[in-house]
Amino acid sequence: MKFSCTQENLSQALQIVSHITVKNNSLPILNNVLLKIENKELQLITTNLEMAINCKVRAKIEEDGEYTVPANLFNEYLSVASLGKVDVESKENGLVVNTVDGDKTLIKGAVATEFPLVPVVEKENIFGVLIEDFKKISQQVLFAVSRNEARPELCGVLFNFNPENKAGYVVCASTDSYRLAEKEIKMVVNEKYGKENKKIIIPAKALQEVLRVVSVFHEDLEENPPVEMVVADNQIMFSYGPVEITSRLVEGQYPDYRQIIPTNFKTTVEFSVSEWIKRIKAASIFSNTGINGVAVKVFAGNDQRVSFSSMNSQLGEHTGEVLGKIDGENNEMLLNYRYLLDGLSALGAEEGLLKIITPDSPCVLMPKGKEGYLYIIMPIRQ
């Protein structure tokens, strides 16, 4: 294997792929990056057996071949190497790297035959989402996934492509059993992309990697290509620019969360998001450790105000009030302030709506005047 490219391109590709490499004493090859030249194309590939990243690099190819070297070591060296042309060649005793200022480095590695096979995903079911819409998954949905691996299906995000009565959309949902976020995202619709209905659960870690890669390359690409998702039976491949990320899907059945979404409410509060965030942060300082409870009391009628109160036997207590536009009757709830702040930050609007039934029923947060997003919080039982 022999090629030449710029230090900048090679270093950027290494930073992309080396992120998922893990120190694995039982399978040390997982620490390595596979450099592969095939059909005059240079690819850098890493895997942790759950996920794989493939990044294509512009290079002048002189000889096909493949070789693996420790990813973090190679990345660390290139990050301090001189800018400009880099010549790379695999030898029997390692990978030789020559830089523009005459430095010559030999990096010990391993033959490519030891590297795990990365499965090929058949490009049959392809869906596309514009980059700005895809980022909303992180901002409005991803944070609500469960961290408890006892229920693995809740550790991922449900993607429902082209659901009934929503053709051309993907509905993304996440829940940890205490709160739920749902976002409708418009997909790119043309002959290339699928129109069939598919439901899959994508691991949160895979989505985090895709969003990380997207943030790196978004400014570099002249065009504005969509993020493409290729769905197979138990795998998904994300494609954006020169990068492909392949991940296993989460097995299992996602809970039918639609049945818990309330439709009739007794109280609706219209509020300023920034004002509520400020008031709730103040109340959170005096909430009970572990419970994180903040009491939200809604005064309708002539009062038209909302109070946030908390009490801690060791620290003290706090009550703050803010005016609001309230329809319906007086109401109250005890909510986890962390869940409440997460939801408010995710609304993506200056004004929001809080809809309440009773103190023991789930409440709904949504942006005012914008459809396609809702956030549900289960109250703390008193």
Protein backbone atom coordinates (compact mmCIF):
# COMPACT_ATOMS: atom_id res chain seq x y z
CA MET A 1 0.00 0.00 0.00
CA LYS A 2 1.35 3.39 -0.96
CA PHE A 3 -0.30 6.82 -1.19
CA SER A 4 0.21 10.56 -0.75
CA CYS A 5 -2.24 13.10 0.66
CA THR A 6 -2.32 16.26 2.76
CA GLN A 7 -1.72 16.15 6.49
CA GLU A 8 -4.96 18.10 6.98
CA ASN A 9 -7.17 15.58 5.17
CA LEU A 10 -5.59 12.53 6.77
CA SER A 11 -5.65 14.04 10.25
CA GLN A 12 -9.32 15.03 9.95
CA ALA A 13 -10.28 11.54 8.81
CA LEU A 14 -8.37 9.98 11.70
CA GLN A 15 -10.11 12.23 14.20
CA ILE A 16 -13.45 11.10 12.77
CA VAL A 17 -12.82 7.35 12.84
CA SER A 18 -10.62 7.01 15.95
CA HIS A 19 -13.41 8.25 18.24
CA ILE A 20 -15.01 4.79 18.56
CA THR A 21 -11.83 2.77 19.07
CA VAL A 22 -11.65 1.20 22.50
CA LYS A 23 -8.84 -0.32 24.52
CA ASN A 24 -9.60 -4.01 24.34
CA ASN A 25 -7.07 -6.37 25.91
CA SER A 26 -8.82 -9.50 24.67
CA LEU A 27 -9.08 -8.18 21.09
CA PRO A 28 -6.32 -5.54 20.68
CA ILE A 29 -6.97 -5.17 16.93
CA LEU A 30 -10.03 -3.06 17.89
CA ASN A 31 -7.55 -0.34 18.93
CA ASN A 32 -6.43 -0.09 15.32
CA VAL A 33 -7.55 1.79 12.23
CA LEU A 34 -7.62 -0.09 8.93
CA LEU A 35 -6.08 1.86 6.02
CA LYS A 36 -7.42 0.29 2.85
CA ILE A 37 -6.83 1.17 -0.79
CA GLU A 38 -9.21 -0.47 -3.23
CA ASN A 39 -10.23 0.65 -6.72
CA LYS A 40 -7.90 3.67 -6.38
CA GLU A 41 -9.77 4.88 -3.27
CA LEU A 42 -8.33 5.35 0.24
CA GLN A 43 -10.56 4.43 3.16
CA LEU A 44 -9.98 4.61 6.92
CA ILE A 45 -12.09 2.13 8.91
CA THR A 46 -12.56 1.51 12.65
CA THR A 47 -15.00 -0.67 14.58
CA ASN A 48 -15.93 -1.59 18.15
CA LEU A 49 -18.07 -4.53 16.94
CA GLU A 50 -21.29 -2.60 17.67
CA MET A 51 -20.53 0.22 15.27
CA ALA A 52 -18.12 0.91 12.39
CA ILE A 53 -16.96 4.16 10.78
CA ASN A 54 -15.61 4.38 7.23
CA CYS A 55 -14.13 7.66 6.01
CA LYS A 56 -12.89 8.19 2.45
CA VAL A 57 -9.85 10.41 1.99
CA ARG A 58 -8.65 12.29 -1.09
CA ALA A 59 -5.25 10.87 -1.97
CA LYS A 60 -2.85 10.16 -4.81
CA ILE A 61 -2.82 6.39 -5.01
CA GLU A 62 0.36 4.61 -6.06
CA GLU A 63 -0.26 1.06 -4.86
CA ASP A 64 -3.32 -0.86 -3.57
CA GLY A 65 -3.21 -2.69 -0.27
CA GLU A 66 -4.29 -2.55 3.38
CA TYR A 67 -2.70 -2.34 6.81
CA THR A 68 -3.72 -1.51 10.38
CA VAL A 69 -2.03 0.70 12.99
CA PRO A 70 -3.09 1.93 16.45
CA ALA A 71 -5.65 4.64 15.71
CA ASN A 72 -4.97 6.96 18.62
CA LEU A 73 -1.20 6.71 18.17
CA PHE A 74 -1.44 7.54 14.46
CA ASN A 75 -3.88 10.37 15.20
CA GLU A 76 -1.66 11.81 17.95
CA TYR A 77 1.38 11.81 15.67
CA LEU A 78 -0.41 13.38 12.70
CA SER A 79 -1.87 16.13 14.88
CA VAL A 80 1.65 17.46 15.52
CA ALA A 81 3.08 16.70 12.07
CA SER A 82 3.87 19.53 9.67
CA LEU A 83 1.13 20.78 7.37
CA GLY A 84 1.40 19.79 3.75
CA LYS A 85 2.05 16.60 1.83
CA VAL A 86 2.35 13.26 3.65
CA ASP A 87 3.71 10.10 1.98
CA VAL A 88 2.52 6.82 3.48
CA GLU A 89 3.69 3.31 2.63
CA SER A 90 3.18 -0.06 4.31
CA LYS A 91 6.27 -2.20 4.87
CA GLU A 92 6.76 -5.60 6.46
CA ASN A 93 7.79 -4.01 9.75
CA GLY A 94 5.12 -1.26 9.91
CA LEU A 95 3.71 1.88 8.33
CA VAL A 96 6.23 4.44 7.10
CA VAL A 97 5.12 8.09 7.17
CA ASN A 98 7.22 10.81 5.53
CA THR A 99 6.27 14.45 6.07
CA VAL A 100 6.99 17.53 3.95
CA ASP A 101 9.82 18.72 6.21
CA GLY A 102 11.74 15.42 5.93
CA ASP A 103 10.58 13.69 9.11
CA LYS A 104 10.41 9.91 8.73
CA THR A 105 8.30 7.84 11.13
CA LEU A 106 7.69 4.11 11.42
CA ILE A 107 4.49 3.06 13.19
CA LYS A 108 4.21 -0.58 14.22
CA GLY A 109 0.93 -2.22 13.28
CA ALA A 110 -0.75 -5.48 12.32
CA VAL A 111 -1.79 -7.17 9.09
CA ALA A 112 -5.28 -6.40 7.84
CA THR A 113 -6.40 -10.04 7.95
CA GLU A 114 -6.75 -9.73 11.74
CA PHE A 115 -9.20 -6.82 11.42
CA PRO A 116 -12.91 -7.73 11.89
CA LEU A 117 -15.09 -7.79 8.81
CA VAL A 118 -17.40 -4.80 8.57
CA PRO A 119 -20.79 -5.94 7.22
CA VAL A 120 -22.05 -4.45 3.98
CA VAL A 121 -25.55 -2.95 4.16
CA GLU A 122 -27.58 -3.45 0.99
CA LYS A 123 -28.77 -0.08 -0.30
CA GLU A 124 -32.44 -0.95 -0.74
CA ASN A 125 -34.37 1.04 1.87
CA ILE A 126 -32.88 4.54 1.81
CA PHE A 127 -34.29 7.57 3.61
CA GLY A 128 -32.93 11.13 3.58
CA VAL A 129 -33.20 14.01 6.05
CA LEU A 130 -31.74 17.51 5.64
CA ILE A 131 -28.88 18.27 7.99
CA GLU A 132 -30.62 21.03 9.99
CA ASP A 133 -33.64 18.79 10.54
CA PHE A 134 -31.44 15.86 11.55
CA LYS A 135 -29.71 17.99 14.22
CA LYS A 136 -33.10 18.52 15.87
CA ILE A 137 -33.06 14.85 16.87
CA SER A 138 -30.18 15.64 19.22
CA GLN A 139 -31.68 18.89 20.45
CA GLN A 140 -35.23 17.65 21.01
CA VAL A 141 -35.27 13.85 21.35
CA LEU A 142 -31.94 12.18 22.12
CA PHE A 143 -31.60 13.52 25.67
CA ALA A 144 -34.69 11.62 26.89
CA VAL A 145 -33.39 8.09 26.18
CA SER A 146 -32.96 5.73 29.12
CA ARG A 147 -29.51 5.07 30.62
CA ASN A 148 -30.74 1.82 32.18
CA GLU A 149 -29.60 -1.10 30.03
CA ALA A 150 -32.05 -3.46 31.75
CA ARG A 151 -34.52 -2.35 29.05
CA PRO A 152 -32.30 -1.99 25.96
CA GLU A 153 -35.16 -0.86 23.71
CA LEU A 154 -35.42 2.33 25.78
CA CYS A 155 -31.69 3.03 25.30
CA GLY A 156 -32.38 3.95 21.68
CA VAL A 157 -34.56 6.30 19.66
CA LEU A 158 -37.58 4.98 17.78
CA PHE A 159 -37.58 6.01 14.11
CA ASN A 160 -40.97 5.53 12.46
CA PHE A 161 -40.54 6.21 8.73
CA ASN A 162 -43.63 7.20 6.75
CA PRO A 163 -46.16 6.42 9.49
CA GLU A 164 -49.87 6.23 8.74
CA ASN A 165 -51.26 9.66 7.77
CA LYS A 166 -47.70 11.11 7.84
CA ALA A 167 -46.14 10.05 4.54
CA GLY A 168 -42.89 11.89 3.88
CA TYR A 169 -42.11 12.22 7.59
CA VAL A 170 -40.10 10.30 10.15
CA VAL A 171 -41.44 10.40 13.71
CA CYS A 172 -38.67 10.07 16.33
CA ALA A 173 -39.45 9.22 19.94
CA SER A 174 -37.48 8.53 23.12
CA THR A 175 -38.46 7.77 26.70
CA ASP A 176 -36.93 6.66 29.98
CA SER A 177 -40.37 5.88 31.49
CA TYR A 178 -40.40 9.20 33.39
CA ARG A 179 -40.61 11.52 30.40
CA LEU A 180 -41.12 11.19 26.66
CA ALA A 181 -40.08 13.30 23.68
CA GLU A 182 -41.54 13.02 20.19
CA LYS A 183 -40.47 14.94 17.09
CA GLU A 184 -41.89 14.84 13.57
CA ILE A 185 -39.23 15.50 10.92
CA LYS A 186 -39.89 16.06 7.24
CA MET A 187 -37.83 13.81 4.99
CA VAL A 188 -36.41 14.47 1.53
CA VAL A 189 -38.91 13.01 -0.94
CA ASN A 190 -37.78 11.92 -4.40
CA GLU A 191 -37.34 8.77 -6.47
CA LYS A 192 -34.18 7.74 -4.62
CA TYR A 193 -35.71 7.58 -1.17
CA GLY A 194 -38.14 5.00 0.20
CA LYS A 195 -41.84 5.61 0.72
CA GLU A 196 -42.62 2.47 2.74
CA ASN A 197 -43.34 2.41 6.46
CA LYS A 198 -40.53 1.09 8.66
CA LYS A 199 -40.04 1.16 12.42
CA ILE A 200 -36.57 0.72 13.90
CA ILE A 201 -34.77 1.49 17.17
CA ILE A 202 -31.40 3.19 16.71
CA PRO A 203 -28.89 3.08 19.61
CA ALA A 204 -28.32 6.47 21.19
CA LYS A 205 -24.54 6.05 20.87
CA ALA A 206 -24.83 5.62 17.10
CA LEU A 207 -26.90 8.79 16.76
CA GLN A 208 -24.39 10.69 18.90
CA GLU A 209 -21.59 9.58 16.56
CA VAL A 210 -23.53 10.64 13.47
CA LEU A 211 -24.26 14.05 14.96
CA ARG A 212 -20.58 14.45 15.88
CA VAL A 213 -19.49 13.62 12.32
CA VAL A 214 -22.11 15.90 10.82
CA SER A 215 -20.92 18.82 12.93
CA VAL A 216 -17.34 18.29 11.67
CA PHE A 217 -18.14 18.10 7.97
CA HIS A 218 -21.16 20.38 7.71
CA GLU A 219 -19.15 23.53 7.04
CA ASP A 220 -16.66 21.79 4.74
CA LEU A 221 -19.11 20.48 2.14
CA GLU A 222 -19.90 22.89 -0.69
CA GLU A 223 -23.33 21.40 -1.27
CA ASN A 224 -25.88 20.69 1.44
CA PRO A 225 -26.47 16.94 1.06
CA PRO A 226 -29.01 15.15 3.26
CA VAL A 227 -28.04 12.61 5.88
CA GLU A 228 -28.90 9.29 4.25
CA MET A 229 -30.11 6.31 6.29
CA VAL A 230 -29.93 2.85 4.73
CA VAL A 231 -32.07 0.41 6.72
CA ALA A 232 -31.51 -3.36 6.68
CA ASP A 233 -32.96 -6.15 8.86
CA ASN A 234 -30.76 -5.63 11.91
CA GLN A 235 -28.48 -2.79 10.84
CA ILE A 236 -28.49 0.80 9.69
CA MET A 237 -25.91 2.74 7.74
CA PHE A 238 -25.69 6.54 7.90
CA SER A 239 -24.00 8.29 5.01
CA TYR A 240 -22.91 11.92 4.96
CA GLY A 241 -20.21 13.38 2.77
CA PRO A 242 -17.19 11.04 2.78
CA VAL A 243 -18.29 9.19 5.93
CA GLU A 244 -20.36 6.06 6.45
CA ILE A 245 -21.38 4.90 9.93
CA THR A 246 -22.79 1.40 10.30
CA SER A 247 -24.52 0.29 13.50
CA ARG A 248 -26.53 -2.58 14.82
CA LEU A 249 -30.16 -1.81 15.53
CA VAL A 250 -31.66 -2.37 18.97
CA GLU A 251 -33.69 -5.56 19.08
CA GLY A 252 -37.06 -5.68 20.80
CA GLN A 253 -40.44 -3.99 20.62
CA TYR A 254 -40.70 -0.30 21.42
CA PRO A 255 -43.57 0.44 23.85
CA ASP A 256 -46.78 1.79 22.36
CA TYR A 257 -46.27 5.24 23.85
CA ARG A 258 -49.07 6.88 21.85
CA GLN A 259 -51.66 5.50 24.25
CA ILE A 260 -50.29 7.55 27.16
CA ILE A 261 -50.32 10.89 25.30
CA PRO A 262 -53.21 12.90 26.79
CA THR A 263 -55.73 14.53 24.47
CA ASN A 264 -58.08 16.35 26.88
CA PHE A 265 -56.82 18.86 29.44
CA LYS A 266 -58.27 20.87 32.28
CA THR A 267 -55.63 23.62 32.33
CA THR A 268 -53.49 25.24 29.63
CA VAL A 269 -50.73 27.72 30.48
CA GLU A 270 -49.07 30.00 27.92
CA PHE A 271 -45.65 31.18 29.08
CA SER A 272 -42.28 32.72 28.25
CA VAL A 273 -39.70 29.92 28.01
CA SER A 274 -36.74 32.03 29.19
CA GLU A 275 -38.68 33.39 32.17
CA TRP A 276 -39.73 29.90 33.26
CA ILE A 277 -36.18 28.55 32.96
CA LYS A 278 -34.94 31.36 35.20
CA ARG A 279 -37.65 30.77 37.83
CA ILE A 280 -37.27 26.98 37.86
CA LYS A 281 -33.48 27.21 38.22
CA ALA A 282 -33.98 29.40 41.26
CA ALA A 283 -36.44 26.92 42.79
CA SER A 284 -34.17 23.97 41.99
CA ILE A 285 -31.50 25.24 44.39
CA PHE A 286 -33.78 24.38 47.34
CA SER A 287 -35.27 21.12 46.04
CA ASN A 288 -34.84 17.86 47.92
CA THR A 289 -31.76 15.90 46.85
CA GLY A 290 -32.69 12.75 44.96
CA ILE A 291 -36.29 13.76 44.33
CA ASN A 292 -35.48 17.06 42.57
CA GLY A 293 -39.07 18.14 43.07
CA VAL A 294 -40.43 21.59 42.27
CA ALA A 295 -44.11 22.30 42.94
CA VAL A 296 -45.84 24.06 40.05
CA LYS A 297 -49.12 25.75 41.01
CA VAL A 298 -51.36 27.34 38.41
CA PHE A 299 -53.82 30.05 39.43
CA ALA A 300 -56.45 30.66 36.77
CA GLY A 301 -59.38 33.10 36.75
CA ASN A 302 -58.46 36.63 37.74
CA ASP A 303 -55.04 35.66 39.13
CA GLN A 304 -53.41 34.43 35.88
CA ARG A 305 -50.16 33.47 37.55
CA VAL A 306 -47.93 30.44 38.14
CA SER A 307 -45.81 29.74 41.23
CA PHE A 308 -42.73 27.53 41.55
CA SER A 309 -41.84 26.42 45.06
CA SER A 310 -39.38 24.06 46.70
CA MET A 311 -38.33 23.17 50.23
CA ASN A 312 -35.28 21.46 51.68
CA SER A 313 -35.17 20.79 55.42
CA GLN A 314 -31.43 21.48 55.53
CA LEU A 315 -31.10 24.35 53.03
CA GLY A 316 -34.34 26.32 53.27
CA GLU A 317 -37.23 27.04 50.95
CA HIS A 318 -38.14 29.17 47.95
CA THR A 319 -41.23 30.44 46.15
CA GLY A 320 -41.23 32.40 42.90
CA GLU A 321 -44.12 33.62 40.77
CA VAL A 322 -44.58 34.64 37.17
CA LEU A 323 -47.57 35.89 35.21
CA GLY A 324 -49.04 33.77 32.44
CA LYS A 325 -52.04 33.37 30.19
CA ILE A 326 -54.12 30.57 31.67
CA ASP A 327 -57.20 28.84 30.28
CA GLY A 328 -59.17 26.42 32.42
CA GLU A 329 -59.09 25.80 36.15
CA ASN A 330 -56.58 26.02 39.01
CA ASN A 331 -54.17 23.13 39.01
CA GLU A 332 -50.87 21.94 40.45
CA MET A 333 -48.14 19.34 39.95
CA LEU A 334 -44.91 18.20 41.58
CA LEU A 335 -42.32 17.79 38.81
CA ASN A 336 -38.68 16.79 38.59
CA TYR A 337 -36.99 20.11 37.80
CA ARG A 338 -34.28 18.43 35.69
CA TYR A 339 -36.88 16.88 33.40
CA LEU A 340 -38.76 20.18 33.26
CA LEU A 341 -35.65 22.20 32.35
CA ASP A 342 -34.67 19.62 29.70
CA GLY A 343 -38.07 19.98 28.09
CA LEU A 344 -38.08 23.76 28.18
CA SER A 345 -34.62 23.91 26.60
CA ALA A 346 -35.73 21.53 23.87
CA LEU A 347 -38.82 23.49 22.80
CA GLY A 348 -36.89 25.65 20.36
CA ALA A 349 -39.32 28.55 20.79
CA GLU A 350 -39.62 31.75 22.80
CA GLU A 351 -43.09 30.83 24.07
CA GLY A 352 -44.47 27.49 25.15
CA LEU A 353 -47.61 25.75 26.36
CA LEU A 354 -48.04 23.56 29.44
CA LYS A 355 -51.14 21.37 29.43
CA ILE A 356 -52.32 19.71 32.65
CA ILE A 357 -55.11 17.27 33.52
CA THR A 358 -54.67 16.45 37.22
CA PRO A 359 -51.76 16.43 39.71
CA ASP A 360 -51.30 12.67 39.17
CA SER A 361 -51.57 12.62 35.35
CA PRO A 362 -48.78 13.25 32.82
CA CYS A 363 -48.50 16.83 31.61
CA VAL A 364 -47.53 18.01 28.12
CA LEU A 365 -45.06 20.70 27.07
CA MET A 366 -45.05 22.01 23.50
CA PRO A 367 -43.87 25.12 21.65
CA LYS A 368 -46.54 27.72 21.02
CA GLY A 369 -47.52 28.08 17.38
CA LYS A 370 -45.34 25.19 16.18
CA GLU A 371 -46.56 21.71 15.43
CA GLY A 372 -44.52 18.53 15.35
CA TYR A 373 -43.00 18.42 18.84
CA LEU A 374 -44.24 17.43 22.27
CA TYR A 375 -42.63 16.53 25.57
CA ILE A 376 -44.42 14.63 28.31
CA ILE A 377 -43.41 14.52 31.98
CA MET A 378 -44.76 12.11 34.58
CA PRO A 379 -45.43 13.88 37.91
CA ILE A 380 -43.76 12.88 41.17
CA ARG A 381 -46.33 10.99 43.22
CA GLN A 382 -47.00 12.77 46.48
